Amino acid sequence: MAQVIGFIGLGIMGRPMAKNLLKAGYPLVVHSRSRAPVDELVRAGATAAASPRDVAARCEVLITMLPNSPDVELVALGKDGILEGARAGLIYADMSTISPIVSQRIGKALASRGVKMLDAPVSGGEKGATDAALSIMVGGEKAVFDAMLPIFQAMGRTITHLGPLGSGGFTKLANQIIVAVNLTALAEALTLAKKAGLDRELTLTALAGGLAGSRCLDQKRPNYVANAYTPGFKIDLHYKDLGLIMDSARALGVPLPTTAVVQELFNALRVKGRGGLDHSGVITLLEDLAGVSA
């Protein structure tokens, strides 16, 4: 019989990930701050839980997909949290993008109750989550990773064990540098092309066929063509990630000059009230600066 999986955090990414676990035949116990996605998952076959503690008491494997480090720490270690409901032998995989240092601290606290933790952040955006095509970057004990691999395979396509707890988080931060810089470079290039009078769709086709082509260009192409930036991954969340990146870089003594500039561009977008746009919406700021109409 399939393991019972607990899933906490049913947002833009968590909801389709949880649905894919149901499709794979896993019994699912779910909890989220918002009631609507819980009700949606229950209609699809999941069981609702009243709290993170309740989830932990009713499952063998528990996954969280939450916005930031404080959210994960509260759910894991706070009142009515995972720690209070966990039994020895529980496997806990946090798939959020948070500080790797916080992941290590949570893992140490949970180990006192016999819980094995993995940090397993993902890349691929809402489309990757929906298509079960995520890249999953995992840190923790190899034996625990091996036990979780079939579950990860229900949600992702590229699943990599990278080392001890925290390794997944550091890899995800490296990923987020590349994505943020790539999207900003695309924004500059497309703004230049637009001001030169070029057709955007033809420009994207030409760029995609050469060395400038990228997964970012391919996945965000519909946004650029429609000039619409409905979030698959919000600027607010990527700005949060950029903060984690810069904190880690300072702690490790790694200068990140390009990332620092991109962080300020994302900050400017938030000041303009655009934090809810998709992160490809950084182009709207470059268009403003160039005096290009939308």
C-alpha atoms as a PDB file:
ATOM      1  CA  MET A   1       0.000   0.000   0.000  1.00  0.00           C
ATOM      2  CA  ALA A   2       1.283   3.501  -0.899  1.00  0.00           C
ATOM      3  CA  GLN A   3       2.654   5.669   1.863  1.00  0.00           C
ATOM      4  CA  VAL A   4       0.357   8.348   3.256  1.00  0.00           C
ATOM      5  CA  ILE A   5       1.770  11.739   2.324  1.00  0.00           C
ATOM      6  CA  GLY A   6       1.062  14.981   4.154  1.00  0.00           C
ATOM      7  CA  PHE A   7       1.231  18.190   2.102  1.00  0.00           C
ATOM      8  CA  ILE A   8       1.266  21.673   3.642  1.00  0.00           C
ATOM      9  CA  GLY A   9       1.118  24.773   1.426  1.00  0.00           C
ATOM     10  CA  LEU A  10      -1.232  24.715  -1.571  1.00  0.00           C
ATOM     11  CA  GLY A  11      -0.262  27.879  -3.409  1.00  0.00           C
ATOM     12  CA  ILE A  12       0.673  28.424  -7.062  1.00  0.00           C
ATOM     13  CA  MET A  13       3.257  25.639  -6.903  1.00  0.00           C
ATOM     14  CA  GLY A  14       1.989  23.424  -4.085  1.00  0.00           C
ATOM     15  CA  ARG A  15      -1.491  22.834  -5.436  1.00  0.00           C
ATOM     16  CA  PRO A  16      -0.428  21.239  -8.770  1.00  0.00           C
ATOM     17  CA  MET A  17       2.351  19.303  -7.020  1.00  0.00           C
ATOM     18  CA  ALA A  18      -0.175  17.835  -4.587  1.00  0.00           C
ATOM     19  CA  LYS A  19      -2.533  16.987  -7.460  1.00  0.00           C
ATOM     20  CA  ASN A  20       0.237  15.049  -9.174  1.00  0.00           C
ATOM     21  CA  LEU A  21       0.781  13.000  -6.018  1.00  0.00           C
ATOM     22  CA  LEU A  22      -2.916  12.114  -6.025  1.00  0.00           C
ATOM     23  CA  LYS A  23      -2.682  11.161  -9.708  1.00  0.00           C
ATOM     24  CA  ALA A  24       0.231   8.873  -8.828  1.00  0.00           C
ATOM     25  CA  GLY A  25      -2.001   7.046  -6.337  1.00  0.00           C
ATOM     26  CA  TYR A  26      -0.677   8.363  -3.031  1.00  0.00           C
ATOM     27  CA  PRO A  27      -3.167   8.911  -0.172  1.00  0.00           C
ATOM     28  CA  LEU A  28      -2.854  12.610   0.687  1.00  0.00           C
ATOM     29  CA  VAL A  29      -3.524  14.640   3.845  1.00  0.00           C
ATOM     30  CA  VAL A  30      -3.476  18.396   3.142  1.00  0.00           C
ATOM     31  CA  HIS A  31      -3.399  21.689   5.021  1.00  0.00           C
ATOM     32  CA  SER A  32      -3.048  25.309   3.870  1.00  0.00           C
ATOM     33  CA  ARG A  33      -3.768  28.782   5.202  1.00  0.00           C
ATOM     34  CA  SER A  34      -6.356  29.337   2.460  1.00  0.00           C
ATOM     35  CA  ARG A  35      -9.410  27.099   2.533  1.00  0.00           C
ATOM     36  CA  ALA A  36     -10.247  27.117  -1.195  1.00  0.00           C
ATOM     37  CA  PRO A  37      -7.279  25.000  -2.388  1.00  0.00           C
ATOM     38  CA  VAL A  38      -7.832  22.569   0.487  1.00  0.00           C
ATOM     39  CA  ASP A  39     -11.444  22.106  -0.627  1.00  0.00           C
ATOM     40  CA  GLU A  40     -10.265  21.634  -4.227  1.00  0.00           C
ATOM     41  CA  LEU A  41      -7.820  18.892  -3.199  1.00  0.00           C
ATOM     42  CA  VAL A  42     -10.450  17.210  -1.009  1.00  0.00           C
ATOM     43  CA  ARG A  43     -12.786  17.075  -4.018  1.00  0.00           C
ATOM     44  CA  ALA A  44      -9.932  15.408  -5.917  1.00  0.00           C
ATOM     45  CA  GLY A  45      -9.546  12.746  -3.225  1.00  0.00           C
ATOM     46  CA  ALA A  46      -7.355  14.187  -0.478  1.00  0.00           C
ATOM     47  CA  THR A  47      -8.209  14.409   3.233  1.00  0.00           C
ATOM     48  CA  ALA A  48      -8.121  17.758   5.056  1.00  0.00           C
ATOM     49  CA  ALA A  49      -6.188  18.293   8.297  1.00  0.00           C
ATOM     50  CA  ALA A  50      -6.742  20.994  10.901  1.00  0.00           C
ATOM     51  CA  SER A  51      -3.099  21.970  11.499  1.00  0.00           C
ATOM     52  CA  PRO A  52       0.501  21.052  10.651  1.00  0.00           C
ATOM     53  CA  ARG A  53       0.530  19.007  13.859  1.00  0.00           C
ATOM     54  CA  ASP A  54      -2.511  17.102  12.638  1.00  0.00           C
ATOM     55  CA  VAL A  55      -0.871  16.468   9.262  1.00  0.00           C
ATOM     56  CA  ALA A  56       2.318  15.148  10.895  1.00  0.00           C
ATOM     57  CA  ALA A  57       0.360  12.762  13.120  1.00  0.00           C
ATOM     58  CA  ARG A  58      -1.460  11.229  10.138  1.00  0.00           C
ATOM     59  CA  CYS A  59       1.278  10.643   7.568  1.00  0.00           C
ATOM     60  CA  GLU A  60       4.502   8.760   6.913  1.00  0.00           C
ATOM     61  CA  VAL A  61       6.012  11.372   4.605  1.00  0.00           C
ATOM     62  CA  LEU A  62       5.401  15.109   4.925  1.00  0.00           C
ATOM     63  CA  ILE A  63       6.059  17.801   2.303  1.00  0.00           C
ATOM     64  CA  THR A  64       5.916  21.566   2.751  1.00  0.00           C
ATOM     65  CA  MET A  65       5.783  24.173  -0.021  1.00  0.00           C
ATOM     66  CA  LEU A  66       5.749  27.580   1.679  1.00  0.00           C
ATOM     67  CA  PRO A  67       6.778  31.152   0.828  1.00  0.00           C
ATOM     68  CA  ASN A  68       9.772  31.880   3.074  1.00  0.00           C
ATOM     69  CA  SER A  69      12.050  30.817   5.920  1.00  0.00           C
ATOM     70  CA  PRO A  70       9.855  32.152   8.774  1.00  0.00           C
ATOM     71  CA  ASP A  71       6.824  30.311   7.362  1.00  0.00           C
ATOM     72  CA  VAL A  72       8.661  26.987   7.263  1.00  0.00           C
ATOM     73  CA  GLU A  73      10.140  27.502  10.711  1.00  0.00           C
ATOM     74  CA  LEU A  74       6.711  28.303  12.171  1.00  0.00           C
ATOM     75  CA  VAL A  75       5.027  25.319  10.511  1.00  0.00           C
ATOM     76  CA  ALA A  76       7.830  22.961  11.504  1.00  0.00           C
ATOM     77  CA  LEU A  77       8.679  24.135  15.023  1.00  0.00           C
ATOM     78  CA  GLY A  78       5.888  26.482  16.146  1.00  0.00           C
ATOM     79  CA  LYS A  79       2.703  25.881  18.134  1.00  0.00           C
ATOM     80  CA  ASP A  80       0.650  23.042  16.625  1.00  0.00           C
ATOM     81  CA  GLY A  81       3.549  22.466  14.245  1.00  0.00           C
ATOM     82  CA  ILE A  82       5.145  19.404  12.720  1.00  0.00           C
ATOM     83  CA  LEU A  83       7.450  18.828  15.692  1.00  0.00           C
ATOM     84  CA  GLU A  84       4.478  18.449  18.044  1.00  0.00           C
ATOM     85  CA  GLY A  85       2.765  15.823  15.889  1.00  0.00           C
ATOM     86  CA  ALA A  86       5.732  13.950  14.443  1.00  0.00           C
ATOM     87  CA  ARG A  87       6.482  10.328  15.183  1.00  0.00           C
ATOM     88  CA  ALA A  88       9.914   8.725  14.911  1.00  0.00           C
ATOM     89  CA  GLY A  89      10.541   7.558  11.360  1.00  0.00           C
ATOM     90  CA  LEU A  90       8.668  10.421   9.664  1.00  0.00           C
ATOM     91  CA  ILE A  91      10.388  11.708   6.529  1.00  0.00           C
ATOM     92  CA  TYR A  92      10.022  15.463   6.082  1.00  0.00           C
ATOM     93  CA  ALA A  93      10.887  17.108   2.752  1.00  0.00           C
ATOM     94  CA  ASP A  94      10.725  20.890   2.623  1.00  0.00           C
ATOM     95  CA  MET A  95      10.377  21.854  -1.044  1.00  0.00           C
ATOM     96  CA  SER A  96      10.198  25.598  -0.371  1.00  0.00           C
ATOM     97  CA  THR A  97      12.987  27.997  -1.300  1.00  0.00           C
ATOM     98  CA  ILE A  98      14.363  29.205   2.029  1.00  0.00           C
ATOM     99  CA  SER A  99      17.676  29.897   3.747  1.00  0.00           C
ATOM    100  CA  PRO A 100      19.802  26.719   3.782  1.00  0.00           C
ATOM    101  CA  ILE A 101      20.966  27.744   7.260  1.00  0.00           C
ATOM    102  CA  VAL A 102      17.355  27.702   8.472  1.00  0.00           C
ATOM    103  CA  SER A 103      16.852  24.283   6.855  1.00  0.00           C
ATOM    104  CA  GLN A 104      19.817  22.935   8.804  1.00  0.00           C
ATOM    105  CA  ARG A 105      18.472  24.397  12.055  1.00  0.00           C
ATOM    106  CA  ILE A 106      15.020  22.882  11.513  1.00  0.00           C
ATOM    107  CA  GLY A 107      16.560  19.541  10.584  1.00  0.00           C
ATOM    108  CA  LYS A 108      18.545  19.459  13.815  1.00  0.00           C
ATOM    109  CA  ALA A 109      15.441  20.208  15.903  1.00  0.00           C
ATOM    110  CA  LEU A 110      13.368  17.542  14.146  1.00  0.00           C
ATOM    111  CA  ALA A 111      16.128  14.944  14.461  1.00  0.00           C
ATOM    112  CA  SER A 112      15.570  15.038  18.242  1.00  0.00           C
ATOM    113  CA  ARG A 113      12.164  13.407  17.534  1.00  0.00           C
ATOM    114  CA  GLY A 114      13.522  10.843  15.097  1.00  0.00           C
ATOM    115  CA  VAL A 115      12.421  12.782  11.991  1.00  0.00           C
ATOM    116  CA  LYS A 116      14.634  12.650   8.893  1.00  0.00           C
ATOM    117  CA  MET A 117      14.632  15.889   6.885  1.00  0.00           C
ATOM    118  CA  LEU A 118      15.487  16.716   3.287  1.00  0.00           C
ATOM    119  CA  ASP A 119      15.638  20.177   1.778  1.00  0.00           C
ATOM    120  CA  ALA A 120      14.322  19.793  -1.765  1.00  0.00           C
ATOM    121  CA  PRO A 121      13.581  23.123  -3.472  1.00  0.00           C
ATOM    122  CA  VAL A 122      12.321  23.079  -7.031  1.00  0.00           C
ATOM    123  CA  SER A 123      12.660  24.966 -10.294  1.00  0.00           C
ATOM    124  CA  GLY A 124      10.293  25.018 -13.244  1.00  0.00           C
ATOM    125  CA  GLY A 125       7.565  27.415 -12.206  1.00  0.00           C
ATOM    126  CA  GLU A 126       3.844  26.754 -12.287  1.00  0.00           C
ATOM    127  CA  LYS A 127       4.078  24.995 -15.659  1.00  0.00           C
ATOM    128  CA  GLY A 128       6.746  22.628 -14.381  1.00  0.00           C
ATOM    129  CA  ALA A 129       4.655  21.897 -11.304  1.00  0.00           C
ATOM    130  CA  THR A 130       1.537  21.254 -13.388  1.00  0.00           C
ATOM    131  CA  ASP A 131       3.365  19.037 -15.877  1.00  0.00           C
ATOM    132  CA  ALA A 132       5.241  17.086 -13.161  1.00  0.00           C
ATOM    133  CA  ALA A 133       8.423  18.279 -14.880  1.00  0.00           C
ATOM    134  CA  LEU A 134      10.155  20.114 -12.027  1.00  0.00           C
ATOM    135  CA  SER A 135      13.862  20.075 -11.341  1.00  0.00           C
ATOM    136  CA  ILE A 136      14.183  18.979  -7.711  1.00  0.00           C
ATOM    137  CA  MET A 137      17.428  19.783  -5.882  1.00  0.00           C
ATOM    138  CA  VAL A 138      17.851  17.669  -2.769  1.00  0.00           C
ATOM    139  CA  GLY A 139      20.043  17.842   0.304  1.00  0.00           C
ATOM    140  CA  GLY A 140      20.075  15.311   3.155  1.00  0.00           C
ATOM    141  CA  GLU A 141      21.034  11.723   3.865  1.00  0.00           C
ATOM    142  CA  LYS A 142      21.354   9.596   0.719  1.00  0.00           C
ATOM    143  CA  ALA A 143      19.287   6.755   2.198  1.00  0.00           C
ATOM    144  CA  VAL A 144      16.419   9.160   2.929  1.00  0.00           C
ATOM    145  CA  PHE A 145      16.703  10.582  -0.588  1.00  0.00           C
ATOM    146  CA  ASP A 146      16.508   7.059  -2.025  1.00  0.00           C
ATOM    147  CA  ALA A 147      13.357   6.372   0.000  1.00  0.00           C
ATOM    148  CA  MET A 148      11.772   9.609  -1.274  1.00  0.00           C
ATOM    149  CA  LEU A 149      12.788   9.218  -4.911  1.00  0.00           C
ATOM    150  CA  PRO A 150       9.549   7.579  -6.164  1.00  0.00           C
ATOM    151  CA  ILE A 151       7.559  10.406  -4.569  1.00  0.00           C
ATOM    152  CA  PHE A 152       9.800  13.055  -6.111  1.00  0.00           C
ATOM    153  CA  GLN A 153       9.400  11.319  -9.469  1.00  0.00           C
ATOM    154  CA  ALA A 154       5.633  11.937  -9.293  1.00  0.00           C
ATOM    155  CA  MET A 155       6.355  15.687  -9.256  1.00  0.00           C
ATOM    156  CA  GLY A 156       9.580  16.183 -11.173  1.00  0.00           C
ATOM    157  CA  ARG A 157      11.716  15.095 -14.063  1.00  0.00           C
ATOM    158  CA  THR A 158      15.254  16.054 -13.000  1.00  0.00           C
ATOM    159  CA  ILE A 159      15.915  14.933  -9.430  1.00  0.00           C
ATOM    160  CA  THR A 160      19.420  15.363  -8.048  1.00  0.00           C
ATOM    161  CA  HIS A 161      20.914  14.461  -4.676  1.00  0.00           C
ATOM    162  CA  LEU A 162      23.529  17.130  -3.994  1.00  0.00           C
ATOM    163  CA  GLY A 163      24.904  16.354  -0.539  1.00  0.00           C
ATOM    164  CA  PRO A 164      23.994  16.939   3.108  1.00  0.00           C
ATOM    165  CA  LEU A 165      21.037  18.977   4.369  1.00  0.00           C
ATOM    166  CA  GLY A 166      21.245  22.521   3.001  1.00  0.00           C
ATOM    167  CA  SER A 167      22.840  21.474  -0.301  1.00  0.00           C
ATOM    168  CA  GLY A 168      19.515  21.610  -2.116  1.00  0.00           C
ATOM    169  CA  GLY A 169      18.916  25.139  -0.891  1.00  0.00           C
ATOM    170  CA  PHE A 170      22.316  26.427  -1.954  1.00  0.00           C
ATOM    171  CA  THR A 171      21.810  24.887  -5.403  1.00  0.00           C
ATOM    172  CA  LYS A 172      18.384  26.529  -5.715  1.00  0.00           C
ATOM    173  CA  LEU A 173      19.894  29.904  -4.840  1.00  0.00           C
ATOM    174  CA  ALA A 174      22.436  29.416  -7.631  1.00  0.00           C
ATOM    175  CA  ASN A 175      19.528  28.568  -9.949  1.00  0.00           C
ATOM    176  CA  GLN A 176      17.706  31.743  -8.965  1.00  0.00           C
ATOM    177  CA  ILE A 177      20.730  33.877  -9.797  1.00  0.00           C
ATOM    178  CA  ILE A 178      20.747  32.478 -13.327  1.00  0.00           C
ATOM    179  CA  VAL A 179      16.982  32.882 -13.820  1.00  0.00           C
ATOM    180  CA  ALA A 180      16.827  36.464 -12.498  1.00  0.00           C
ATOM    181  CA  VAL A 181      19.823  37.596 -14.552  1.00  0.00           C
ATOM    182  CA  ASN A 182      18.528  35.779 -17.648  1.00  0.00           C
ATOM    183  CA  LEU A 183      15.095  37.400 -17.384  1.00  0.00           C
ATOM    184  CA  THR A 184      16.699  40.805 -16.924  1.00  0.00           C
ATOM    185  CA  ALA A 185      18.945  40.262 -19.950  1.00  0.00           C
ATOM    186  CA  LEU A 186      15.886  39.230 -21.982  1.00  0.00           C
ATOM    187  CA  ALA A 187      14.102  42.356 -20.790  1.00  0.00           C
ATOM    188  CA  GLU A 188      16.955  44.596 -21.925  1.00  0.00           C
ATOM    189  CA  ALA A 189      17.268  42.833 -25.286  1.00  0.00           C
ATOM    190  CA  LEU A 190      13.560  42.918 -26.066  1.00  0.00           C
ATOM    191  CA  THR A 191      13.257  46.549 -24.989  1.00  0.00           C
ATOM    192  CA  LEU A 192      16.118  47.478 -27.318  1.00  0.00           C
ATOM    193  CA  ALA A 193      14.479  45.529 -30.138  1.00  0.00           C
ATOM    194  CA  LYS A 194      11.105  47.146 -29.508  1.00  0.00           C
ATOM    195  CA  LYS A 195      12.521  50.669 -29.545  1.00  0.00           C
ATOM    196  CA  ALA A 196      14.289  49.810 -32.803  1.00  0.00           C
ATOM    197  CA  GLY A 197      10.893  48.982 -34.307  1.00  0.00           C
ATOM    198  CA  LEU A 198      11.320  45.211 -34.481  1.00  0.00           C
ATOM    199  CA  ASP A 199       8.435  42.770 -34.285  1.00  0.00           C
ATOM    200  CA  ARG A 200       8.607  41.072 -30.874  1.00  0.00           C
ATOM    201  CA  GLU A 201       7.412  37.635 -31.967  1.00  0.00           C
ATOM    202  CA  LEU A 202       9.891  37.491 -34.856  1.00  0.00           C
ATOM    203  CA  THR A 203      12.666  38.726 -32.574  1.00  0.00           C
ATOM    204  CA  LEU A 204      11.947  35.954 -30.067  1.00  0.00           C
ATOM    205  CA  THR A 205      11.988  33.357 -32.840  1.00  0.00           C
ATOM    206  CA  ALA A 206      15.370  34.568 -34.057  1.00  0.00           C
ATOM    207  CA  LEU A 207      16.875  34.711 -30.569  1.00  0.00           C
ATOM    208  CA  ALA A 208      15.568  31.271 -29.609  1.00  0.00           C
ATOM    209  CA  GLY A 209      17.395  29.645 -32.522  1.00  0.00           C
ATOM    210  CA  GLY A 210      20.849  30.836 -31.520  1.00  0.00           C
ATOM    211  CA  LEU A 211      23.148  30.918 -28.521  1.00  0.00           C
ATOM    212  CA  ALA A 212      20.834  33.423 -26.820  1.00  0.00           C
ATOM    213  CA  GLY A 213      18.111  30.789 -26.618  1.00  0.00           C
ATOM    214  CA  SER A 214      17.172  29.567 -23.142  1.00  0.00           C
ATOM    215  CA  ARG A 215      14.499  27.806 -21.101  1.00  0.00           C
ATOM    216  CA  CYS A 216      13.532  31.227 -19.739  1.00  0.00           C
ATOM    217  CA  LEU A 217      12.953  32.553 -23.250  1.00  0.00           C
ATOM    218  CA  ASP A 218      10.948  29.495 -24.278  1.00  0.00           C
ATOM    219  CA  GLN A 219       8.760  29.376 -21.183  1.00  0.00           C
ATOM    220  CA  LYS A 220       8.141  33.130 -20.946  1.00  0.00           C
ATOM    221  CA  ARG A 221       7.649  33.732 -24.672  1.00  0.00           C
ATOM    222  CA  PRO A 222       3.814  33.841 -24.387  1.00  0.00           C
ATOM    223  CA  ASN A 223       4.125  36.583 -21.732  1.00  0.00           C
ATOM    224  CA  TYR A 224       6.348  38.732 -23.947  1.00  0.00           C
ATOM    225  CA  VAL A 225       4.187  38.254 -27.040  1.00  0.00           C
ATOM    226  CA  ALA A 226       0.937  39.055 -25.204  1.00  0.00           C
ATOM    227  CA  ASN A 227       2.584  41.782 -23.094  1.00  0.00           C
ATOM    228  CA  ALA A 228       0.804  40.186 -20.117  1.00  0.00           C
ATOM    229  CA  TYR A 229       2.608  39.027 -16.988  1.00  0.00           C
ATOM    230  CA  THR A 230       0.174  36.863 -15.043  1.00  0.00           C
ATOM    231  CA  PRO A 231       2.304  35.235 -12.370  1.00  0.00           C
ATOM    232  CA  GLY A 232       3.749  31.788 -12.726  1.00  0.00           C
ATOM    233  CA  PHE A 233       6.357  32.940 -10.206  1.00  0.00           C
ATOM    234  CA  LYS A 234       5.866  36.381  -8.666  1.00  0.00           C
ATOM    235  CA  ILE A 235       8.405  39.179  -8.611  1.00  0.00           C
ATOM    236  CA  ASP A 236       7.800  39.385  -4.838  1.00  0.00           C
ATOM    237  CA  LEU A 237       8.926  35.777  -4.387  1.00  0.00           C
ATOM    238  CA  HIS A 238      11.966  36.125  -6.617  1.00  0.00           C
ATOM    239  CA  TYR A 239      12.926  39.290  -4.744  1.00  0.00           C
ATOM    240  CA  LYS A 240      12.745  37.228  -1.552  1.00  0.00           C
ATOM    241  CA  ASP A 241      15.059  34.680  -3.149  1.00  0.00           C
ATOM    242  CA  LEU A 242      17.483  37.419  -4.179  1.00  0.00           C
ATOM    243  CA  GLY A 243      17.625  38.498  -0.538  1.00  0.00           C
ATOM    244  CA  LEU A 244      18.474  34.941   0.513  1.00  0.00           C
ATOM    245  CA  ILE A 245      21.139  34.833  -2.190  1.00  0.00           C
ATOM    246  CA  MET A 246      22.810  38.039  -1.057  1.00  0.00           C
ATOM    247  CA  ASP A 247      22.690  36.975   2.614  1.00  0.00           C
ATOM    248  CA  SER A 248      24.342  33.659   1.733  1.00  0.00           C
ATOM    249  CA  ALA A 249      26.905  35.367  -0.491  1.00  0.00           C
ATOM    250  CA  ARG A 250      27.926  37.723   2.315  1.00  0.00           C
ATOM    251  CA  ALA A 251      28.175  34.818   4.768  1.00  0.00           C
ATOM    252  CA  LEU A 252      30.359  32.847   2.348  1.00  0.00           C
ATOM    253  CA  GLY A 253      32.418  35.804   1.144  1.00  0.00           C
ATOM    254  CA  VAL A 254      31.251  35.654  -2.487  1.00  0.00           C
ATOM    255  CA  PRO A 255      30.883  38.951  -4.422  1.00  0.00           C
ATOM    256  CA  LEU A 256      27.793  38.922  -6.678  1.00  0.00           C
ATOM    257  CA  PRO A 257      27.846  42.316  -8.443  1.00  0.00           C
ATOM    258  CA  THR A 258      25.414  41.474 -11.265  1.00  0.00           C
ATOM    259  CA  THR A 259      22.941  39.850  -8.887  1.00  0.00           C
ATOM    260  CA  ALA A 260      23.063  42.945  -6.666  1.00  0.00           C
ATOM    261  CA  VAL A 261      21.994  45.162  -9.582  1.00  0.00           C
ATOM    262  CA  VAL A 262      19.187  42.783 -10.524  1.00  0.00           C
ATOM    263  CA  GLN A 263      18.007  42.731  -6.905  1.00  0.00           C
ATOM    264  CA  GLU A 264      17.609  46.515  -7.008  1.00  0.00           C
ATOM    265  CA  LEU A 265      15.662  46.329 -10.274  1.00  0.00           C
ATOM    266  CA  PHE A 266      13.276  43.860  -8.654  1.00  0.00           C
ATOM    267  CA  ASN A 267      13.071  46.169  -5.639  1.00  0.00           C
ATOM    268  CA  ALA A 268      12.111  49.050  -7.952  1.00  0.00           C
ATOM    269  CA  LEU A 269       9.333  46.920  -9.447  1.00  0.00           C
ATOM    270  CA  ARG A 270       7.929  46.303  -5.976  1.00  0.00           C
ATOM    271  CA  VAL A 271       8.064  50.032  -5.177  1.00  0.00           C
ATOM    272  CA  LYS A 272       6.008  50.595  -8.345  1.00  0.00           C
ATOM    273  CA  GLY A 273       3.401  48.128  -7.104  1.00  0.00           C
ATOM    274  CA  ARG A 274       4.350  45.388  -9.569  1.00  0.00           C
ATOM    275  CA  GLY A 275       5.470  42.730  -7.107  1.00  0.00           C
ATOM    276  CA  GLY A 276       2.498  40.561  -8.045  1.00  0.00           C
ATOM    277  CA  LEU A 277       3.553  40.293 -11.681  1.00  0.00           C
ATOM    278  CA  ASP A 278       5.376  37.287 -13.065  1.00  0.00           C
ATOM    279  CA  HIS A 279       9.144  37.686 -12.718  1.00  0.00           C
ATOM    280  CA  SER A 280       9.394  38.092 -16.499  1.00  0.00           C
ATOM    281  CA  GLY A 281       7.568  41.375 -15.819  1.00  0.00           C
ATOM    282  CA  VAL A 282      10.960  42.952 -15.061  1.00  0.00           C
ATOM    283  CA  ILE A 283      10.695  43.995 -18.721  1.00  0.00           C
ATOM    284  CA  THR A 284       8.027  46.545 -17.780  1.00  0.00           C
ATOM    285  CA  LEU A 285      10.596  48.478 -15.742  1.00  0.00           C
ATOM    286  CA  LEU A 286      13.136  48.456 -18.599  1.00  0.00           C
ATOM    287  CA  GLU A 287      10.423  49.661 -20.978  1.00  0.00           C
ATOM    288  CA  ASP A 288       9.609  52.498 -18.568  1.00  0.00           C
ATOM    289  CA  LEU A 289      13.258  53.536 -18.437  1.00  0.00           C
ATOM    290  CA  ALA A 290      13.497  53.458 -22.240  1.00  0.00           C
ATOM    291  CA  GLY A 291      10.254  55.373 -22.743  1.00  0.00           C
ATOM    292  CA  VAL A 292       8.732  52.487 -24.668  1.00  0.00           C
ATOM    293  CA  SER A 293       4.940  52.263 -24.517  1.00  0.00           C
ATOM    294  CA  ALA A 294       3.378  48.953 -23.519  1.00  0.00           C
END
